[in-house]
Amino acid sequence: MSKYGILGQKEGYSPYVFEDTGYEWLKQHPEAQAELEKKRAADTAFANNGAAQLKWVYQQSPYAEPEYMRYPVFRVE
């Protein structure tokens, strides 16, 4: 976890659960599937790392935490 709690990721996924969900999501989003294939072709380390690929799919999907790494900025007048 980040030393700045506000930037810490609160949500996550279980790989064994998300594999099926991610697969179904990719089938419904061919543009994401094409992007994944392009990334696999360009990066052999990524292509050989199933966990990294699953994490990438998770991060592209609507299941990822949208507030992760967003720092709130306010204006006080």
PDB file of N, CA and C in Angstrom:
ATOM      1  N   MET A   1       0.839  -1.174   0.000  1.00  0.00           N
ATOM      2  CA  MET A   1       0.000   0.000   0.000  1.00  0.00           C
ATOM      3  C   MET A   1       0.887   1.240   0.000  1.00  0.00           C
ATOM      4  N   SER A   2       0.432   2.236  -0.679  1.00  0.00           N
ATOM      5  CA  SER A   2       1.150   3.491  -0.764  1.00  0.00           C
ATOM      6  C   SER A   2       1.233   4.151   0.609  1.00  0.00           C
ATOM      7  N   LYS A   3       2.307   4.903   0.845  1.00  0.00           N
ATOM      8  CA  LYS A   3       2.385   5.632   2.110  1.00  0.00           C
ATOM      9  C   LYS A   3       1.354   6.752   2.143  1.00  0.00           C
ATOM     10  N   TYR A   4       0.833   7.094   0.979  1.00  0.00           N
ATOM     11  CA  TYR A   4      -0.253   8.055   0.882  1.00  0.00           C
ATOM     12  C   TYR A   4      -1.538   7.251   0.722  1.00  0.00           C
ATOM     13  N   GLY A   5      -2.234   7.038   1.814  1.00  0.00           N
ATOM     14  CA  GLY A   5      -3.406   6.179   1.816  1.00  0.00           C
ATOM     15  C   GLY A   5      -4.428   6.517   0.760  1.00  0.00           C
ATOM     16  N   ILE A   6      -4.506   7.769   0.391  1.00  0.00           N
ATOM     17  CA  ILE A   6      -5.501   8.177  -0.593  1.00  0.00           C
ATOM     18  C   ILE A   6      -5.207   7.591  -1.972  1.00  0.00           C
ATOM     19  N   LEU A   7      -3.945   7.281  -2.237  1.00  0.00           N
ATOM     20  CA  LEU A   7      -3.579   6.715  -3.526  1.00  0.00           C
ATOM     21  C   LEU A   7      -3.577   5.188  -3.528  1.00  0.00           C
ATOM     22  N   GLY A   8      -3.847   4.586  -2.382  1.00  0.00           N
ATOM     23  CA  GLY A   8      -3.832   3.135  -2.278  1.00  0.00           C
ATOM     24  C   GLY A   8      -5.032   2.504  -2.965  1.00  0.00           C
ATOM     25  N   GLN A   9      -4.815   1.355  -3.540  1.00  0.00           N
ATOM     26  CA  GLN A   9      -5.896   0.628  -4.202  1.00  0.00           C
ATOM     27  C   GLN A   9      -6.725  -0.081  -3.150  1.00  0.00           C
ATOM     28  N   LYS A  10      -8.014   0.153  -3.164  1.00  0.00           N
ATOM     29  CA  LYS A  10      -8.914  -0.426  -2.161  1.00  0.00           C
ATOM     30  C   LYS A  10      -9.531  -1.739  -2.645  1.00  0.00           C
ATOM     31  N   GLU A  11      -9.733  -1.824  -3.941  1.00  0.00           N
ATOM     32  CA  GLU A  11     -10.374  -3.001  -4.533  1.00  0.00           C
ATOM     33  C   GLU A  11      -9.340  -3.808  -5.305  1.00  0.00           C
ATOM     34  N   GLY A  12      -9.666  -5.041  -5.546  1.00  0.00           N
ATOM     35  CA  GLY A  12      -8.786  -5.901  -6.311  1.00  0.00           C
ATOM     36  C   GLY A  12      -9.592  -7.018  -6.951  1.00  0.00           C
ATOM     37  N   TYR A  13      -8.933  -8.072  -7.338  1.00  0.00           N
ATOM     38  CA  TYR A  13      -9.619  -9.203  -7.950  1.00  0.00           C
ATOM     39  C   TYR A  13      -8.892 -10.487  -7.572  1.00  0.00           C
ATOM     40  N   SER A  14      -9.630 -11.566  -7.615  1.00  0.00           N
ATOM     41  CA  SER A  14      -9.040 -12.885  -7.414  1.00  0.00           C
ATOM     42  C   SER A  14      -8.821 -13.475  -8.797  1.00  0.00           C
ATOM     43  N   PRO A  15      -7.590 -13.811  -9.134  1.00  0.00           N
ATOM     44  CA  PRO A  15      -7.320 -14.302 -10.488  1.00  0.00           C
ATOM     45  C   PRO A  15      -8.200 -15.485 -10.894  1.00  0.00           C
ATOM     46  N   TYR A  16      -8.401 -16.441 -10.005  1.00  0.00           N
ATOM     47  CA  TYR A  16      -9.179 -17.618 -10.390  1.00  0.00           C
ATOM     48  C   TYR A  16     -10.643 -17.284 -10.631  1.00  0.00           C
ATOM     49  N   VAL A  17     -11.136 -16.218 -10.033  1.00  0.00           N
ATOM     50  CA  VAL A  17     -12.516 -15.787 -10.253  1.00  0.00           C
ATOM     51  C   VAL A  17     -12.602 -14.899 -11.490  1.00  0.00           C
ATOM     52  N   PHE A  18     -11.636 -13.994 -11.643  1.00  0.00           N
ATOM     53  CA  PHE A  18     -11.714 -13.014 -12.728  1.00  0.00           C
ATOM     54  C   PHE A  18     -11.372 -13.592 -14.090  1.00  0.00           C
ATOM     55  N   GLU A  19     -10.714 -14.735 -14.150  1.00  0.00           N
ATOM     56  CA  GLU A  19     -10.366 -15.318 -15.455  1.00  0.00           C
ATOM     57  C   GLU A  19     -11.599 -15.481 -16.336  1.00  0.00           C
ATOM     58  N   ASP A  20     -12.644 -16.080 -15.804  1.00  0.00           N
ATOM     59  CA  ASP A  20     -13.868 -16.285 -16.594  1.00  0.00           C
ATOM     60  C   ASP A  20     -14.559 -14.966 -16.904  1.00  0.00           C
ATOM     61  N   THR A  21     -14.624 -14.085 -15.920  1.00  0.00           N
ATOM     62  CA  THR A  21     -15.260 -12.778 -16.116  1.00  0.00           C
ATOM     63  C   THR A  21     -14.502 -11.976 -17.159  1.00  0.00           C
ATOM     64  N   GLY A  22     -13.189 -11.961 -17.050  1.00  0.00           N
ATOM     65  CA  GLY A  22     -12.359 -11.239 -18.010  1.00  0.00           C
ATOM     66  C   GLY A  22     -12.490 -11.795 -19.411  1.00  0.00           C
ATOM     67  N   TYR A  23     -12.562 -13.111 -19.514  1.00  0.00           N
ATOM     68  CA  TYR A  23     -12.728 -13.756 -20.824  1.00  0.00           C
ATOM     69  C   TYR A  23     -14.049 -13.325 -21.467  1.00  0.00           C
ATOM     70  N   GLU A  24     -15.106 -13.350 -20.700  1.00  0.00           N
ATOM     71  CA  GLU A  24     -16.416 -12.933 -21.216  1.00  0.00           C
ATOM     72  C   GLU A  24     -16.417 -11.453 -21.584  1.00  0.00           C
ATOM     73  N   TRP A  25     -15.765 -10.628 -20.768  1.00  0.00           N
ATOM     74  CA  TRP A  25     -15.705  -9.200 -21.060  1.00  0.00           C
ATOM     75  C   TRP A  25     -14.952  -8.952 -22.360  1.00  0.00           C
ATOM     76  N   LEU A  26     -13.840  -9.666 -22.563  1.00  0.00           N
ATOM     77  CA  LEU A  26     -13.083  -9.512 -23.810  1.00  0.00           C
ATOM     78  C   LEU A  26     -13.899  -9.939 -25.027  1.00  0.00           C
ATOM     79  N   LYS A  27     -14.691 -10.996 -24.886  1.00  0.00           N
ATOM     80  CA  LYS A  27     -15.533 -11.432 -26.007  1.00  0.00           C
ATOM     81  C   LYS A  27     -16.531 -10.347 -26.395  1.00  0.00           C
ATOM     82  N   GLN A  28     -17.013  -9.595 -25.425  1.00  0.00           N
ATOM     83  CA  GLN A  28     -17.994  -8.537 -25.675  1.00  0.00           C
ATOM     84  C   GLN A  28     -17.343  -7.221 -26.108  1.00  0.00           C
ATOM     85  N   HIS A  29     -16.027  -7.120 -25.982  1.00  0.00           N
ATOM     86  CA  HIS A  29     -15.305  -5.891 -26.326  1.00  0.00           C
ATOM     87  C   HIS A  29     -14.133  -6.217 -27.257  1.00  0.00           C
ATOM     88  N   PRO A  30     -14.424  -6.428 -28.538  1.00  0.00           N
ATOM     89  CA  PRO A  30     -13.361  -6.816 -29.478  1.00  0.00           C
ATOM     90  C   PRO A  30     -12.251  -5.774 -29.615  1.00  0.00           C
ATOM     91  N   GLU A  31     -12.568  -4.496 -29.347  1.00  0.00           N
ATOM     92  CA  GLU A  31     -11.517  -3.472 -29.422  1.00  0.00           C
ATOM     93  C   GLU A  31     -10.476  -3.693 -28.317  1.00  0.00           C
ATOM     94  N   ALA A  32     -10.913  -4.114 -27.151  1.00  0.00           N
ATOM     95  CA  ALA A  32      -9.982  -4.418 -26.053  1.00  0.00           C
ATOM     96  C   ALA A  32      -9.203  -5.695 -26.380  1.00  0.00           C
ATOM     97  N   GLN A  33      -9.870  -6.670 -26.971  1.00  0.00           N
ATOM     98  CA  GLN A  33      -9.192  -7.910 -27.370  1.00  0.00           C
ATOM     99  C   GLN A  33      -8.098  -7.605 -28.389  1.00  0.00           C
ATOM    100  N   ALA A  34      -8.393  -6.732 -29.350  1.00  0.00           N
ATOM    101  CA  ALA A  34      -7.393  -6.360 -30.359  1.00  0.00           C
ATOM    102  C   ALA A  34      -6.217  -5.629 -29.713  1.00  0.00           C
ATOM    103  N   GLU A  35      -6.505  -4.754 -28.759  1.00  0.00           N
ATOM    104  CA  GLU A  35      -5.452  -4.026 -28.043  1.00  0.00           C
ATOM    105  C   GLU A  35      -4.569  -4.995 -27.248  1.00  0.00           C
ATOM    106  N   LEU A  36      -5.181  -5.990 -26.627  1.00  0.00           N
ATOM    107  CA  LEU A  36      -4.432  -7.003 -25.888  1.00  0.00           C
ATOM    108  C   LEU A  36      -3.526  -7.790 -26.833  1.00  0.00           C
ATOM    109  N   GLU A  37      -4.048  -8.192 -27.959  1.00  0.00           N
ATOM    110  CA  GLU A  37      -3.240  -8.936 -28.944  1.00  0.00           C
ATOM    111  C   GLU A  37      -2.075  -8.086 -29.441  1.00  0.00           C
ATOM    112  N   LYS A  38      -2.318  -6.811 -29.655  1.00  0.00           N
ATOM    113  CA  LYS A  38      -1.267  -5.894 -30.105  1.00  0.00           C
ATOM    114  C   LYS A  38      -0.172  -5.774 -29.037  1.00  0.00           C
ATOM    115  N   LYS A  39      -0.575  -5.676 -27.786  1.00  0.00           N
ATOM    116  CA  LYS A  39       0.388  -5.582 -26.687  1.00  0.00           C
ATOM    117  C   LYS A  39       1.179  -6.882 -26.553  1.00  0.00           C
ATOM    118  N   ARG A  40       0.523  -8.012 -26.716  1.00  0.00           N
ATOM    119  CA  ARG A  40       1.222  -9.304 -26.663  1.00  0.00           C
ATOM    120  C   ARG A  40       2.275  -9.410 -27.751  1.00  0.00           C
ATOM    121  N   ALA A  41       1.908  -8.951 -28.957  1.00  0.00           N
ATOM    122  CA  ALA A  41       2.827  -9.048 -30.095  1.00  0.00           C
ATOM    123  C   ALA A  41       4.040  -8.132 -29.910  1.00  0.00           C
ATOM    124  N   ALA A  42       3.847  -6.994 -29.270  1.00  0.00           N
ATOM    125  CA  ALA A  42       4.917  -6.018 -29.108  1.00  0.00           C
ATOM    126  C   ALA A  42       5.820  -6.301 -27.908  1.00  0.00           C
ATOM    127  N   ASP A  43       5.334  -7.054 -26.937  1.00  0.00           N
ATOM    128  CA  ASP A  43       6.065  -7.242 -25.680  1.00  0.00           C
ATOM    129  C   ASP A  43       6.082  -8.727 -25.316  1.00  0.00           C
ATOM    130  N   THR A  44       7.204  -9.394 -25.582  1.00  0.00           N
ATOM    131  CA  THR A  44       7.278 -10.837 -25.334  1.00  0.00           C
ATOM    132  C   THR A  44       7.218 -11.172 -23.846  1.00  0.00           C
ATOM    133  N   ALA A  45       7.770 -10.306 -22.999  1.00  0.00           N
ATOM    134  CA  ALA A  45       7.689 -10.552 -21.554  1.00  0.00           C
ATOM    135  C   ALA A  45       6.226 -10.540 -21.109  1.00  0.00           C
ATOM    136  N   PHE A  46       5.468  -9.589 -21.617  1.00  0.00           N
ATOM    137  CA  PHE A  46       4.038  -9.509 -21.310  1.00  0.00           C
ATOM    138  C   PHE A  46       3.312 -10.725 -21.879  1.00  0.00           C
ATOM    139  N   ALA A  47       3.653 -11.120 -23.087  1.00  0.00           N
ATOM    140  CA  ALA A  47       3.010 -12.263 -23.743  1.00  0.00           C
ATOM    141  C   ALA A  47       3.233 -13.560 -22.975  1.00  0.00           C
ATOM    142  N   ASN A  48       4.352 -13.657 -22.259  1.00  0.00           N
ATOM    143  CA  ASN A  48       4.674 -14.859 -21.496  1.00  0.00           C
ATOM    144  C   ASN A  48       4.250 -14.782 -20.033  1.00  0.00           C
ATOM    145  N   ASN A  49       3.546 -13.720 -19.656  1.00  0.00           N
ATOM    146  CA  ASN A  49       3.153 -13.516 -18.268  1.00  0.00           C
ATOM    147  C   ASN A  49       1.626 -13.453 -18.163  1.00  0.00           C
ATOM    148  N   GLY A  50       1.029 -14.581 -17.848  1.00  0.00           N
ATOM    149  CA  GLY A  50      -0.429 -14.659 -17.748  1.00  0.00           C
ATOM    150  C   GLY A  50      -1.007 -13.738 -16.691  1.00  0.00           C
ATOM    151  N   ALA A  51      -0.308 -13.592 -15.568  1.00  0.00           N
ATOM    152  CA  ALA A  51      -0.795 -12.716 -14.496  1.00  0.00           C
ATOM    153  C   ALA A  51      -0.822 -11.258 -14.954  1.00  0.00           C
ATOM    154  N   ALA A  52       0.194 -10.839 -15.686  1.00  0.00           N
ATOM    155  CA  ALA A  52       0.244  -9.461 -16.190  1.00  0.00           C
ATOM    156  C   ALA A  52      -0.875  -9.218 -17.205  1.00  0.00           C
ATOM    157  N   GLN A  53      -1.146 -10.217 -18.027  1.00  0.00           N
ATOM    158  CA  GLN A  53      -2.224 -10.083 -19.008  1.00  0.00           C
ATOM    159  C   GLN A  53      -3.579  -9.984 -18.318  1.00  0.00           C
ATOM    160  N   LEU A  54      -3.795 -10.800 -17.305  1.00  0.00           N
ATOM    161  CA  LEU A  54      -5.053 -10.763 -16.573  1.00  0.00           C
ATOM    162  C   LEU A  54      -5.214  -9.419 -15.858  1.00  0.00           C
ATOM    163  N   LYS A  55      -4.125  -8.913 -15.294  1.00  0.00           N
ATOM    164  CA  LYS A  55      -4.178  -7.612 -14.630  1.00  0.00           C
ATOM    165  C   LYS A  55      -4.508  -6.516 -15.644  1.00  0.00           C
ATOM    166  N   TRP A  56      -3.935  -6.597 -16.832  1.00  0.00           N
ATOM    167  CA  TRP A  56      -4.214  -5.614 -17.879  1.00  0.00           C
ATOM    168  C   TRP A  56      -5.692  -5.643 -18.249  1.00  0.00           C
ATOM    169  N   VAL A  57      -6.243  -6.840 -18.419  1.00  0.00           N
ATOM    170  CA  VAL A  57      -7.663  -6.973 -18.748  1.00  0.00           C
ATOM    171  C   VAL A  57      -8.511  -6.368 -17.630  1.00  0.00           C
ATOM    172  N   TYR A  58      -8.161  -6.668 -16.390  1.00  0.00           N
ATOM    173  CA  TYR A  58      -8.887  -6.120 -15.249  1.00  0.00           C
ATOM    174  C   TYR A  58      -8.846  -4.593 -15.260  1.00  0.00           C
ATOM    175  N   GLN A  59      -7.677  -4.024 -15.517  1.00  0.00           N
ATOM    176  CA  GLN A  59      -7.540  -2.575 -15.509  1.00  0.00           C
ATOM    177  C   GLN A  59      -8.316  -1.898 -16.635  1.00  0.00           C
ATOM    178  N   GLN A  60      -8.535  -2.602 -17.731  1.00  0.00           N
ATOM    179  CA  GLN A  60      -9.295  -2.036 -18.841  1.00  0.00           C
ATOM    180  C   GLN A  60     -10.799  -2.175 -18.636  1.00  0.00           C
ATOM    181  N   SER A  61     -11.181  -3.113 -17.809  1.00  0.00           N
ATOM    182  CA  SER A  61     -12.598  -3.443 -17.620  1.00  0.00           C
ATOM    183  C   SER A  61     -13.298  -2.464 -16.672  1.00  0.00           C
ATOM    184  N   PRO A  62     -14.616  -2.484 -16.661  1.00  0.00           N
ATOM    185  CA  PRO A  62     -15.360  -1.623 -15.742  1.00  0.00           C
ATOM    186  C   PRO A  62     -15.289  -2.111 -14.293  1.00  0.00           C
ATOM    187  N   TYR A  63     -14.684  -3.260 -14.059  1.00  0.00           N
ATOM    188  CA  TYR A  63     -14.586  -3.809 -12.709  1.00  0.00           C
ATOM    189  C   TYR A  63     -13.438  -3.180 -11.910  1.00  0.00           C
ATOM    190  N   ALA A  64     -12.515  -2.526 -12.595  1.00  0.00           N
ATOM    191  CA  ALA A  64     -11.390  -1.884 -11.916  1.00  0.00           C
ATOM    192  C   ALA A  64     -11.886  -0.673 -11.129  1.00  0.00           C
ATOM    193  N   GLU A  65     -11.179  -0.367 -10.080  1.00  0.00           N
ATOM    194  CA  GLU A  65     -11.532   0.758  -9.222  1.00  0.00           C
ATOM    195  C   GLU A  65     -11.243   2.075  -9.954  1.00  0.00           C
ATOM    196  N   PRO A  66     -12.265   2.845 -10.290  1.00  0.00           N
ATOM    197  CA  PRO A  66     -12.042   4.062 -11.089  1.00  0.00           C
ATOM    198  C   PRO A  66     -11.304   5.165 -10.331  1.00  0.00           C
ATOM    199  N   GLU A  67     -11.341   5.146  -9.035  1.00  0.00           N
ATOM    200  CA  GLU A  67     -10.706   6.201  -8.251  1.00  0.00           C
ATOM    201  C   GLU A  67      -9.234   5.932  -7.945  1.00  0.00           C
ATOM    202  N   TYR A  68      -8.743   4.747  -8.288  1.00  0.00           N
ATOM    203  CA  TYR A  68      -7.355   4.397  -7.994  1.00  0.00           C
ATOM    204  C   TYR A  68      -6.400   5.363  -8.703  1.00  0.00           C
ATOM    205  N   MET A  69      -5.457   5.888  -7.958  1.00  0.00           N
ATOM    206  CA  MET A  69      -4.420   6.815  -8.428  1.00  0.00           C
ATOM    207  C   MET A  69      -4.974   8.177  -8.866  1.00  0.00           C
ATOM    208  N   ARG A  70      -6.148   8.504  -8.414  1.00  0.00           N
ATOM    209  CA  ARG A  70      -6.708   9.837  -8.668  1.00  0.00           C
ATOM    210  C   ARG A  70      -6.563  10.634  -7.384  1.00  0.00           C
ATOM    211  N   TYR A  71      -5.888  11.733  -7.474  1.00  0.00           N
ATOM    212  CA  TYR A  71      -5.632  12.577  -6.314  1.00  0.00           C
ATOM    213  C   TYR A  71      -6.644  13.715  -6.323  1.00  0.00           C
ATOM    214  N   PRO A  72      -7.408  13.868  -5.256  1.00  0.00           N
ATOM    215  CA  PRO A  72      -8.399  14.937  -5.237  1.00  0.00           C
ATOM    216  C   PRO A  72      -7.734  16.312  -5.101  1.00  0.00           C
ATOM    217  N   VAL A  73      -8.128  17.208  -5.952  1.00  0.00           N
ATOM    218  CA  VAL A  73      -7.597  18.564  -5.926  1.00  0.00           C
ATOM    219  C   VAL A  73      -8.785  19.503  -5.814  1.00  0.00           C
ATOM    220  N   PHE A  74      -8.703  20.402  -4.860  1.00  0.00           N
ATOM    221  CA  PHE A  74      -9.787  21.350  -4.628  1.00  0.00           C
ATOM    222  C   PHE A  74      -9.244  22.769  -4.691  1.00  0.00           C
ATOM    223  N   ARG A  75     -10.075  23.673  -5.062  1.00  0.00           N
ATOM    224  CA  ARG A  75      -9.721  25.078  -5.046  1.00  0.00           C
ATOM    225  C   ARG A  75     -10.466  25.729  -3.885  1.00  0.00           C
ATOM    226  N   VAL A  76      -9.742  26.430  -3.066  1.00  0.00           N
ATOM    227  CA  VAL A  76     -10.341  27.142  -1.938  1.00  0.00           C
ATOM    228  C   VAL A  76     -10.145  28.628  -2.205  1.00  0.00           C
ATOM    229  N   GLU A  77     -11.218  29.350  -2.227  1.00  0.00           N
ATOM    230  CA  GLU A  77     -11.127  30.791  -2.471  1.00  0.00           C
ATOM    231  C   GLU A  77     -11.596  31.571  -1.281  1.00  0.00           C
TER     232      GLU A  77
END
